[in-house]
Amino acid sequence: MVKKVNFLLILLLSIFLTSCTLKENLTFKDFEEIYNFKSKTILIDINSKKVLKDFIHYDYLPQKTRNMALSTCKEYIKNKKLGNVECKVQFVKITNKIESSVE
């Protein structure tokens, strides 16, 4: 009886510990199921109006995800020392997590 309890305890502990590990190599689809909102900011060349790069950020709050995507874009401009470009927020949307819970 004690062996069964010990085995069960070890099994439950190992399941708990593996479920609490950090996940690596998450994809956009994974983020869609974790967070409530996503925001996309685009980097645009002012002269040609061409989209050079896009930045997507996920978070639980819409304003925070918008600000993080915008700040990531501005940080990219600063690091690459780019000129004649600007960042524009393209959208802030709810993710699949919220859409599926509403249905």
PDB file of N, CA and C in Angstrom:
ATOM      1  N   MET A   1       0.818  -1.195   0.000  1.00  0.00           N
ATOM      2  CA  MET A   1       0.000   0.000   0.000  1.00  0.00           C
ATOM      3  C   MET A   1       0.862   1.260   0.000  1.00  0.00           C
ATOM      4  N   VAL A   2       1.917   1.249   0.810  1.00  0.00           N
ATOM      5  CA  VAL A   2       2.809   2.397   0.900  1.00  0.00           C
ATOM      6  C   VAL A   2       3.537   2.598  -0.429  1.00  0.00           C
ATOM      7  N   LYS A   3       3.904   1.519  -1.084  1.00  0.00           N
ATOM      8  CA  LYS A   3       4.590   1.618  -2.372  1.00  0.00           C
ATOM      9  C   LYS A   3       3.686   2.265  -3.420  1.00  0.00           C
ATOM     10  N   LYS A   4       2.400   1.915  -3.392  1.00  0.00           N
ATOM     11  CA  LYS A   4       1.459   2.501  -4.348  1.00  0.00           C
ATOM     12  C   LYS A   4       1.290   4.000  -4.100  1.00  0.00           C
ATOM     13  N   VAL A   5       1.223   4.395  -2.835  1.00  0.00           N
ATOM     14  CA  VAL A   5       1.081   5.804  -2.494  1.00  0.00           C
ATOM     15  C   VAL A   5       2.334   6.572  -2.904  1.00  0.00           C
ATOM     16  N   ASN A   6       3.497   5.995  -2.644  1.00  0.00           N
ATOM     17  CA  ASN A   6       4.757   6.644  -3.043  1.00  0.00           C
ATOM     18  C   ASN A   6       4.843   6.785  -4.562  1.00  0.00           C
ATOM     19  N   PHE A   7       4.459   5.734  -5.260  1.00  0.00           N
ATOM     20  CA  PHE A   7       4.485   5.774  -6.719  1.00  0.00           C
ATOM     21  C   PHE A   7       3.534   6.851  -7.245  1.00  0.00           C
ATOM     22  N   LEU A   8       2.330   6.900  -6.678  1.00  0.00           N
ATOM     23  CA  LEU A   8       1.354   7.899  -7.087  1.00  0.00           C
ATOM     24  C   LEU A   8       1.835   9.313  -6.779  1.00  0.00           C
ATOM     25  N   LEU A   9       2.456   9.489  -5.631  1.00  0.00           N
ATOM     26  CA  LEU A   9       2.986  10.792  -5.249  1.00  0.00           C
ATOM     27  C   LEU A   9       4.097  11.234  -6.190  1.00  0.00           C
ATOM     28  N   ILE A  10       4.982  10.334  -6.509  1.00  0.00           N
ATOM     29  CA  ILE A  10       6.077  10.642  -7.442  1.00  0.00           C
ATOM     30  C   ILE A  10       5.528  10.947  -8.836  1.00  0.00           C
ATOM     31  N   LEU A  11       4.550  10.202  -9.258  1.00  0.00           N
ATOM     32  CA  LEU A  11       3.937  10.432 -10.564  1.00  0.00           C
ATOM     33  C   LEU A  11       3.270  11.809 -10.622  1.00  0.00           C
ATOM     34  N   LEU A  12       2.492  12.137  -9.608  1.00  0.00           N
ATOM     35  CA  LEU A  12       1.835  13.445  -9.577  1.00  0.00           C
ATOM     36  C   LEU A  12       2.839  14.587  -9.499  1.00  0.00           C
ATOM     37  N   LEU A  13       3.867  14.417  -8.735  1.00  0.00           N
ATOM     38  CA  LEU A  13       4.898  15.441  -8.610  1.00  0.00           C
ATOM     39  C   LEU A  13       5.622  15.653  -9.940  1.00  0.00           C
ATOM     40  N   SER A  14       5.938  14.578 -10.622  1.00  0.00           N
ATOM     41  CA  SER A  14       6.629  14.719 -11.909  1.00  0.00           C
ATOM     42  C   SER A  14       5.725  15.370 -12.955  1.00  0.00           C
ATOM     43  N   ILE A  15       4.443  15.048 -12.961  1.00  0.00           N
ATOM     44  CA  ILE A  15       3.508  15.686 -13.893  1.00  0.00           C
ATOM     45  C   ILE A  15       3.402  17.177 -13.596  1.00  0.00           C
ATOM     46  N   PHE A  16       3.309  17.510 -12.335  1.00  0.00           N
ATOM     47  CA  PHE A  16       3.212  18.916 -11.936  1.00  0.00           C
ATOM     48  C   PHE A  16       4.462  19.686 -12.337  1.00  0.00           C
ATOM     49  N   LEU A  17       5.629  19.117 -12.099  1.00  0.00           N
ATOM     50  CA  LEU A  17       6.871  19.813 -12.410  1.00  0.00           C
ATOM     51  C   LEU A  17       7.073  19.991 -13.913  1.00  0.00           C
ATOM     52  N   THR A  18       6.695  19.013 -14.701  1.00  0.00           N
ATOM     53  CA  THR A  18       6.858  19.158 -16.150  1.00  0.00           C
ATOM     54  C   THR A  18       5.862  20.138 -16.730  1.00  0.00           C
ATOM     55  N   SER A  19       4.702  20.271 -16.127  1.00  0.00           N
ATOM     56  CA  SER A  19       3.725  21.227 -16.641  1.00  0.00           C
ATOM     57  C   SER A  19       4.089  22.663 -16.287  1.00  0.00           C
ATOM     58  N   CYS A  20       4.969  22.864 -15.311  1.00  0.00           N
ATOM     59  CA  CYS A  20       5.348  24.209 -14.885  1.00  0.00           C
ATOM     60  C   CYS A  20       6.652  24.690 -15.519  1.00  0.00           C
ATOM     61  N   THR A  21       7.212  23.925 -16.409  1.00  0.00           N
ATOM     62  CA  THR A  21       8.457  24.348 -17.041  1.00  0.00           C
ATOM     63  C   THR A  21       8.178  25.413 -18.082  1.00  0.00           C
ATOM     64  N   LEU A  22       9.182  26.204 -18.387  1.00  0.00           N
ATOM     65  CA  LEU A  22       9.048  27.238 -19.405  1.00  0.00           C
ATOM     66  C   LEU A  22       8.943  26.593 -20.778  1.00  0.00           C
ATOM     67  N   LYS A  23       8.051  27.110 -21.567  1.00  0.00           N
ATOM     68  CA  LYS A  23       7.865  26.605 -22.924  1.00  0.00           C
ATOM     69  C   LYS A  23       8.788  27.369 -23.864  1.00  0.00           C
ATOM     70  N   GLU A  24       9.439  26.649 -24.733  1.00  0.00           N
ATOM     71  CA  GLU A  24      10.331  27.260 -25.716  1.00  0.00           C
ATOM     72  C   GLU A  24       9.767  27.024 -27.110  1.00  0.00           C
ATOM     73  N   ASN A  25      10.213  27.822 -28.036  1.00  0.00           N
ATOM     74  CA  ASN A  25       9.812  27.702 -29.445  1.00  0.00           C
ATOM     75  C   ASN A  25       8.306  27.842 -29.626  1.00  0.00           C
ATOM     76  N   LEU A  26       7.719  28.817 -28.949  1.00  0.00           N
ATOM     77  CA  LEU A  26       6.289  29.073 -29.115  1.00  0.00           C
ATOM     78  C   LEU A  26       6.047  29.748 -30.458  1.00  0.00           C
ATOM     79  N   THR A  27       4.973  29.382 -31.103  1.00  0.00           N
ATOM     80  CA  THR A  27       4.613  29.976 -32.386  1.00  0.00           C
ATOM     81  C   THR A  27       3.509  31.010 -32.175  1.00  0.00           C
ATOM     82  N   PHE A  28       3.169  31.725 -33.233  1.00  0.00           N
ATOM     83  CA  PHE A  28       2.094  32.705 -33.147  1.00  0.00           C
ATOM     84  C   PHE A  28       0.779  32.025 -32.775  1.00  0.00           C
ATOM     85  N   LYS A  29       0.600  30.801 -33.234  1.00  0.00           N
ATOM     86  CA  LYS A  29      -0.625  30.064 -32.907  1.00  0.00           C
ATOM     87  C   LYS A  29      -0.699  29.799 -31.393  1.00  0.00           C
ATOM     88  N   ASP A  30       0.431  29.505 -30.776  1.00  0.00           N
ATOM     89  CA  ASP A  30       0.465  29.302 -29.333  1.00  0.00           C
ATOM     90  C   ASP A  30       0.102  30.595 -28.599  1.00  0.00           C
ATOM     91  N   PHE A  31       0.648  31.711 -29.049  1.00  0.00           N
ATOM     92  CA  PHE A  31       0.357  32.993 -28.425  1.00  0.00           C
ATOM     93  C   PHE A  31      -1.127  33.354 -28.569  1.00  0.00           C
ATOM     94  N   GLU A  32      -1.731  32.941 -29.671  1.00  0.00           N
ATOM     95  CA  GLU A  32      -3.160  33.191 -29.890  1.00  0.00           C
ATOM     96  C   GLU A  32      -4.009  32.514 -28.818  1.00  0.00           C
ATOM     97  N   GLU A  33      -3.543  31.392 -28.310  1.00  0.00           N
ATOM     98  CA  GLU A  33      -4.300  30.651 -27.303  1.00  0.00           C
ATOM     99  C   GLU A  33      -3.960  31.068 -25.875  1.00  0.00           C
ATOM    100  N   ILE A  34      -2.868  31.800 -25.697  1.00  0.00           N
ATOM    101  CA  ILE A  34      -2.440  32.210 -24.355  1.00  0.00           C
ATOM    102  C   ILE A  34      -2.953  33.604 -24.022  1.00  0.00           C
ATOM    103  N   TYR A  35      -2.760  34.554 -24.923  1.00  0.00           N
ATOM    104  CA  TYR A  35      -3.062  35.956 -24.640  1.00  0.00           C
ATOM    105  C   TYR A  35      -4.427  36.370 -25.181  1.00  0.00           C
ATOM    106  N   ASN A  36      -4.932  37.504 -24.683  1.00  0.00           N
ATOM    107  CA  ASN A  36      -6.256  37.997 -25.063  1.00  0.00           C
ATOM    108  C   ASN A  36      -6.232  38.915 -26.283  1.00  0.00           C
ATOM    109  N   PHE A  37      -5.143  39.669 -26.461  1.00  0.00           N
ATOM    110  CA  PHE A  37      -5.081  40.656 -27.546  1.00  0.00           C
ATOM    111  C   PHE A  37      -3.767  40.554 -28.309  1.00  0.00           C
ATOM    112  N   LYS A  38      -3.831  40.947 -29.582  1.00  0.00           N
ATOM    113  CA  LYS A  38      -2.616  41.050 -30.383  1.00  0.00           C
ATOM    114  C   LYS A  38      -2.644  42.377 -31.113  1.00  0.00           C
ATOM    115  N   SER A  39      -1.467  42.912 -31.339  1.00  0.00           N
ATOM    116  CA  SER A  39      -1.338  44.189 -32.032  1.00  0.00           C
ATOM    117  C   SER A  39      -0.248  44.057 -33.086  1.00  0.00           C
ATOM    118  N   LYS A  40      -0.476  44.713 -34.211  1.00  0.00           N
ATOM    119  CA  LYS A  40       0.509  44.711 -35.284  1.00  0.00           C
ATOM    120  C   LYS A  40       0.876  46.150 -35.612  1.00  0.00           C
ATOM    121  N   THR A  41       2.158  46.436 -35.551  1.00  0.00           N
ATOM    122  CA  THR A  41       2.693  47.732 -35.946  1.00  0.00           C
ATOM    123  C   THR A  41       3.576  47.522 -37.158  1.00  0.00           C
ATOM    124  N   ILE A  42       3.463  48.414 -38.127  1.00  0.00           N
ATOM    125  CA  ILE A  42       4.263  48.286 -39.343  1.00  0.00           C
ATOM    126  C   ILE A  42       5.250  49.441 -39.437  1.00  0.00           C
ATOM    127  N   LEU A  43       6.408  49.129 -39.993  1.00  0.00           N
ATOM    128  CA  LEU A  43       7.445  50.119 -40.264  1.00  0.00           C
ATOM    129  C   LEU A  43       7.330  50.490 -41.734  1.00  0.00           C
ATOM    130  N   ILE A  44       7.078  51.766 -41.990  1.00  0.00           N
ATOM    131  CA  ILE A  44       6.811  52.237 -43.358  1.00  0.00           C
ATOM    132  C   ILE A  44       7.878  53.226 -43.799  1.00  0.00           C
ATOM    133  N   ASP A  45       8.329  53.074 -45.037  1.00  0.00           N
ATOM    134  CA  ASP A  45       9.202  54.059 -45.652  1.00  0.00           C
ATOM    135  C   ASP A  45       8.332  55.263 -46.029  1.00  0.00           C
ATOM    136  N   ILE A  46       8.692  56.426 -45.539  1.00  0.00           N
ATOM    137  CA  ILE A  46       7.880  57.639 -45.747  1.00  0.00           C
ATOM    138  C   ILE A  46       7.800  58.004 -47.230  1.00  0.00           C
ATOM    139  N   ASN A  47       8.885  57.861 -47.952  1.00  0.00           N
ATOM    140  CA  ASN A  47       8.916  58.271 -49.363  1.00  0.00           C
ATOM    141  C   ASN A  47       8.103  57.342 -50.261  1.00  0.00           C
ATOM    142  N   SER A  48       8.332  56.046 -50.161  1.00  0.00           N
ATOM    143  CA  SER A  48       7.674  55.104 -51.067  1.00  0.00           C
ATOM    144  C   SER A  48       6.395  54.495 -50.493  1.00  0.00           C
ATOM    145  N   LYS A  49       6.122  54.740 -49.218  1.00  0.00           N
ATOM    146  CA  LYS A  49       4.948  54.169 -48.525  1.00  0.00           C
ATOM    147  C   LYS A  49       4.977  52.645 -48.519  1.00  0.00           C
ATOM    148  N   LYS A  50       6.158  52.076 -48.648  1.00  0.00           N
ATOM    149  CA  LYS A  50       6.324  50.632 -48.663  1.00  0.00           C
ATOM    150  C   LYS A  50       6.515  50.116 -47.238  1.00  0.00           C
ATOM    151  N   VAL A  51       5.880  48.996 -46.926  1.00  0.00           N
ATOM    152  CA  VAL A  51       6.034  48.373 -45.613  1.00  0.00           C
ATOM    153  C   VAL A  51       7.373  47.638 -45.586  1.00  0.00           C
ATOM    154  N   LEU A  52       8.221  48.025 -44.643  1.00  0.00           N
ATOM    155  CA  LEU A  52       9.554  47.426 -44.541  1.00  0.00           C
ATOM    156  C   LEU A  52       9.586  46.250 -43.575  1.00  0.00           C
ATOM    157  N   LYS A  53       8.826  46.352 -42.484  1.00  0.00           N
ATOM    158  CA  LYS A  53       8.850  45.301 -41.468  1.00  0.00           C
ATOM    159  C   LYS A  53       7.582  45.421 -40.640  1.00  0.00           C
ATOM    160  N   ASP A  54       7.142  44.299 -40.085  1.00  0.00           N
ATOM    161  CA  ASP A  54       6.003  44.364 -39.183  1.00  0.00           C
ATOM    162  C   ASP A  54       6.379  43.761 -37.831  1.00  0.00           C
ATOM    163  N   PHE A  55       5.726  44.260 -36.805  1.00  0.00           N
ATOM    164  CA  PHE A  55       5.990  43.850 -35.430  1.00  0.00           C
ATOM    165  C   PHE A  55       4.661  43.442 -34.796  1.00  0.00           C
ATOM    166  N   ILE A  56       4.589  42.217 -34.306  1.00  0.00           N
ATOM    167  CA  ILE A  56       3.378  41.713 -33.676  1.00  0.00           C
ATOM    168  C   ILE A  56       3.680  41.454 -32.207  1.00  0.00           C
ATOM    169  N   HIS A  57       2.775  41.894 -31.351  1.00  0.00           N
ATOM    170  CA  HIS A  57       2.944  41.698 -29.919  1.00  0.00           C
ATOM    171  C   HIS A  57       1.635  41.193 -29.332  1.00  0.00           C
ATOM    172  N   TYR A  58       1.739  40.309 -28.340  1.00  0.00           N
ATOM    173  CA  TYR A  58       0.579  39.731 -27.668  1.00  0.00           C
ATOM    174  C   TYR A  58       0.599  40.112 -26.199  1.00  0.00           C
ATOM    175  N   ASP A  59      -0.592  40.337 -25.632  1.00  0.00           N
ATOM    176  CA  ASP A  59      -0.689  40.632 -24.203  1.00  0.00           C
ATOM    177  C   ASP A  59      -2.129  40.426 -23.748  1.00  0.00           C
ATOM    178  N   TYR A  60      -2.336  40.603 -22.445  1.00  0.00           N
ATOM    179  CA  TYR A  60      -3.672  40.451 -21.877  1.00  0.00           C
ATOM    180  C   TYR A  60      -4.500  41.727 -21.978  1.00  0.00           C
ATOM    181  N   LEU A  61      -3.859  42.870 -22.123  1.00  0.00           N
ATOM    182  CA  LEU A  61      -4.554  44.159 -22.184  1.00  0.00           C
ATOM    183  C   LEU A  61      -4.340  44.809 -23.545  1.00  0.00           C
ATOM    184  N   PRO A  62      -5.386  45.397 -24.143  1.00  0.00           N
ATOM    185  CA  PRO A  62      -5.241  45.961 -25.493  1.00  0.00           C
ATOM    186  C   PRO A  62      -4.277  47.147 -25.557  1.00  0.00           C
ATOM    187  N   GLN A  63      -4.339  48.035 -24.585  1.00  0.00           N
ATOM    188  CA  GLN A  63      -3.466  49.207 -24.608  1.00  0.00           C
ATOM    189  C   GLN A  63      -1.999  48.808 -24.439  1.00  0.00           C
ATOM    190  N   LYS A  64      -1.762  47.823 -23.591  1.00  0.00           N
ATOM    191  CA  LYS A  64      -0.385  47.374 -23.356  1.00  0.00           C
ATOM    192  C   LYS A  64       0.195  46.711 -24.601  1.00  0.00           C
ATOM    193  N   THR A  65      -0.599  45.889 -25.270  1.00  0.00           N
ATOM    194  CA  THR A  65      -0.090  45.225 -26.475  1.00  0.00           C
ATOM    195  C   THR A  65       0.176  46.241 -27.583  1.00  0.00           C
ATOM    196  N   ARG A  66      -0.672  47.272 -27.678  1.00  0.00           N
ATOM    197  CA  ARG A  66      -0.468  48.332 -28.672  1.00  0.00           C
ATOM    198  C   ARG A  66       0.823  49.084 -28.380  1.00  0.00           C
ATOM    199  N   ASN A  67       1.010  49.471 -27.124  1.00  0.00           N
ATOM    200  CA  ASN A  67       2.209  50.228 -26.746  1.00  0.00           C
ATOM    201  C   ASN A  67       3.488  49.409 -26.924  1.00  0.00           C
ATOM    202  N   MET A  68       3.431  48.125 -26.613  1.00  0.00           N
ATOM    203  CA  MET A  68       4.625  47.284 -26.747  1.00  0.00           C
ATOM    204  C   MET A  68       5.009  47.095 -28.214  1.00  0.00           C
ATOM    205  N   ALA A  69       4.032  46.891 -29.081  1.00  0.00           N
ATOM    206  CA  ALA A  69       4.331  46.738 -30.506  1.00  0.00           C
ATOM    207  C   ALA A  69       4.904  48.029 -31.072  1.00  0.00           C
ATOM    208  N   LEU A  70       4.341  49.161 -30.665  1.00  0.00           N
ATOM    209  CA  LEU A  70       4.826  50.454 -31.132  1.00  0.00           C
ATOM    210  C   LEU A  70       6.229  50.743 -30.605  1.00  0.00           C
ATOM    211  N   SER A  71       6.486  50.442 -29.349  1.00  0.00           N
ATOM    212  CA  SER A  71       7.819  50.692 -28.788  1.00  0.00           C
ATOM    213  C   SER A  71       8.862  49.755 -29.390  1.00  0.00           C
ATOM    214  N   THR A  72       8.475  48.527 -29.733  1.00  0.00           N
ATOM    215  CA  THR A  72       9.402  47.602 -30.403  1.00  0.00           C
ATOM    216  C   THR A  72       9.802  48.148 -31.762  1.00  0.00           C
ATOM    217  N   CYS A  73       8.849  48.702 -32.479  1.00  0.00           N
ATOM    218  CA  CYS A  73       9.127  49.302 -33.785  1.00  0.00           C
ATOM    219  C   CYS A  73      10.060  50.505 -33.643  1.00  0.00           C
ATOM    220  N   LYS A  74       9.773  51.370 -32.685  1.00  0.00           N
ATOM    221  CA  LYS A  74      10.608  52.553 -32.475  1.00  0.00           C
ATOM    222  C   LYS A  74      12.017  52.171 -32.018  1.00  0.00           C
ATOM    223  N   GLU A  75      12.121  51.144 -31.219  1.00  0.00           N
ATOM    224  CA  GLU A  75      13.435  50.655 -30.775  1.00  0.00           C
ATOM    225  C   GLU A  75      14.225  50.096 -31.963  1.00  0.00           C
ATOM    226  N   TYR A  76      13.529  49.434 -32.884  1.00  0.00           N
ATOM    227  CA  TYR A  76      14.165  48.911 -34.095  1.00  0.00           C
ATOM    228  C   TYR A  76      14.744  50.052 -34.926  1.00  0.00           C
ATOM    229  N   ILE A  77      13.989  51.134 -35.073  1.00  0.00           N
ATOM    230  CA  ILE A  77      14.466  52.308 -35.818  1.00  0.00           C
ATOM    231  C   ILE A  77      15.704  52.882 -35.145  1.00  0.00           C
ATOM    232  N   LYS A  78      15.661  52.976 -33.838  1.00  0.00           N
ATOM    233  CA  LYS A  78      16.780  53.538 -33.077  1.00  0.00           C
ATOM    234  C   LYS A  78      18.028  52.666 -33.206  1.00  0.00           C
ATOM    235  N   ASN A  79      17.867  51.356 -33.084  1.00  0.00           N
ATOM    236  CA  ASN A  79      19.013  50.438 -33.147  1.00  0.00           C
ATOM    237  C   ASN A  79      19.634  50.380 -34.545  1.00  0.00           C
ATOM    238  N   LYS A  80      18.796  50.405 -35.565  1.00  0.00           N
ATOM    239  CA  LYS A  80      19.289  50.326 -36.949  1.00  0.00           C
ATOM    240  C   LYS A  80      19.647  51.703 -37.509  1.00  0.00           C
ATOM    241  N   LYS A  81      19.354  52.766 -36.745  1.00  0.00           N
ATOM    242  CA  LYS A  81      19.638  54.145 -37.160  1.00  0.00           C
ATOM    243  C   LYS A  81      19.030  54.447 -38.525  1.00  0.00           C
ATOM    244  N   LEU A  82      17.737  54.169 -38.643  1.00  0.00           N
ATOM    245  CA  LEU A  82      17.023  54.368 -39.895  1.00  0.00           C
ATOM    246  C   LEU A  82      16.465  55.784 -39.982  1.00  0.00           C
ATOM    247  N   GLY A  83      16.389  56.299 -41.186  1.00  0.00           N
ATOM    248  CA  GLY A  83      15.803  57.613 -41.434  1.00  0.00           C
ATOM    249  C   GLY A  83      14.682  57.498 -42.440  1.00  0.00           C
ATOM    250  N   ASN A  84      13.806  58.481 -42.475  1.00  0.00           N
ATOM    251  CA  ASN A  84      12.679  58.519 -43.406  1.00  0.00           C
ATOM    252  C   ASN A  84      11.756  57.310 -43.276  1.00  0.00           C
ATOM    253  N   VAL A  85      11.585  56.851 -42.055  1.00  0.00           N
ATOM    254  CA  VAL A  85      10.650  55.761 -41.778  1.00  0.00           C
ATOM    255  C   VAL A  85       9.767  56.168 -40.608  1.00  0.00           C
ATOM    256  N   GLU A  86       8.610  55.524 -40.514  1.00  0.00           N
ATOM    257  CA  GLU A  86       7.730  55.769 -39.383  1.00  0.00           C
ATOM    258  C   GLU A  86       7.002  54.484 -39.000  1.00  0.00           C
ATOM    259  N   CYS A  87       6.557  54.440 -37.751  1.00  0.00           N
ATOM    260  CA  CYS A  87       5.810  53.298 -37.239  1.00  0.00           C
ATOM    261  C   CYS A  87       4.331  53.655 -37.190  1.00  0.00           C
ATOM    262  N   LYS A  88       3.498  52.729 -37.634  1.00  0.00           N
ATOM    263  CA  LYS A  88       2.052  52.919 -37.567  1.00  0.00           C
ATOM    264  C   LYS A  88       1.422  51.650 -37.010  1.00  0.00           C
ATOM    265  N   VAL A  89       0.503  51.846 -36.074  1.00  0.00           N
ATOM    266  CA  VAL A  89      -0.238  50.704 -35.544  1.00  0.00           C
ATOM    267  C   VAL A  89      -1.270  50.308 -36.588  1.00  0.00           C
ATOM    268  N   GLN A  90      -1.184  49.069 -37.031  1.00  0.00           N
ATOM    269  CA  GLN A  90      -2.099  48.612 -38.061  1.00  0.00           C
ATOM    270  C   GLN A  90      -3.400  48.091 -37.449  1.00  0.00           C
ATOM    271  N   PHE A  91      -3.298  47.329 -36.354  1.00  0.00           N
ATOM    272  CA  PHE A  91      -4.509  46.861 -35.692  1.00  0.00           C
ATOM    273  C   PHE A  91      -4.220  46.402 -34.266  1.00  0.00           C
ATOM    274  N   VAL A  92      -5.283  46.360 -33.480  1.00  0.00           N
ATOM    275  CA  VAL A  92      -5.320  45.688 -32.184  1.00  0.00           C
ATOM    276  C   VAL A  92      -6.555  44.808 -32.243  1.00  0.00           C
ATOM    277  N   LYS A  93      -6.358  43.497 -32.135  1.00  0.00           N
ATOM    278  CA  LYS A  93      -7.460  42.546 -32.275  1.00  0.00           C
ATOM    279  C   LYS A  93      -7.514  41.614 -31.080  1.00  0.00           C
ATOM    280  N   ILE A  94      -8.683  41.008 -30.905  1.00  0.00           N
ATOM    281  CA  ILE A  94      -8.777  39.938 -29.916  1.00  0.00           C
ATOM    282  C   ILE A  94      -8.200  38.670 -30.538  1.00  0.00           C
ATOM    283  N   THR A  95      -7.687  37.805 -29.714  1.00  0.00           N
ATOM    284  CA  THR A  95      -7.075  36.569 -30.205  1.00  0.00           C
ATOM    285  C   THR A  95      -8.101  35.444 -30.253  1.00  0.00           C
ATOM    286  N   ASN A  96      -7.660  34.298 -30.722  1.00  0.00           N
ATOM    287  CA  ASN A  96      -8.531  33.122 -30.799  1.00  0.00           C
ATOM    288  C   ASN A  96      -9.038  32.703 -29.428  1.00  0.00           C
ATOM    289  N   LYS A  97      -8.257  32.963 -28.395  1.00  0.00           N
ATOM    290  CA  LYS A  97      -8.669  32.608 -27.032  1.00  0.00           C
ATOM    291  C   LYS A  97      -9.988  33.290 -26.681  1.00  0.00           C
ATOM    292  N   ILE A  98     -10.106  34.567 -26.994  1.00  0.00           N
ATOM    293  CA  ILE A  98     -11.310  35.325 -26.682  1.00  0.00           C
ATOM    294  C   ILE A  98     -12.430  34.964 -27.660  1.00  0.00           C
ATOM    295  N   GLU A  99     -12.103  34.848 -28.939  1.00  0.00           N
ATOM    296  CA  GLU A  99     -13.110  34.515 -29.938  1.00  0.00           C
ATOM    297  C   GLU A  99     -13.781  33.178 -29.643  1.00  0.00           C
ATOM    298  N   SER A 100     -12.991  32.185 -29.256  1.00  0.00           N
ATOM    299  CA  SER A 100     -13.554  30.873 -28.974  1.00  0.00           C
ATOM    300  C   SER A 100     -14.345  30.852 -27.674  1.00  0.00           C
ATOM    301  N   SER A 101     -13.996  31.701 -26.718  1.00  0.00           N
ATOM    302  CA  SER A 101     -14.747  31.723 -25.469  1.00  0.00           C
ATOM    303  C   SER A 101     -16.064  32.487 -25.612  1.00  0.00           C
ATOM    304  N   VAL A 102     -16.147  33.379 -26.590  1.00  0.00           N
ATOM    305  CA  VAL A 102     -17.378  34.127 -26.832  1.00  0.00           C
ATOM    306  C   VAL A 102     -18.411  33.235 -27.507  1.00  0.00           C
ATOM    307  N   GLU A 103     -17.956  32.368 -28.386  1.00  0.00           N
ATOM    308  CA  GLU A 103     -18.862  31.470 -29.119  1.00  0.00           C
ATOM    309  C   GLU A 103     -19.390  30.459 -28.201  1.00  0.00           C
TER     310      GLU A 103
END
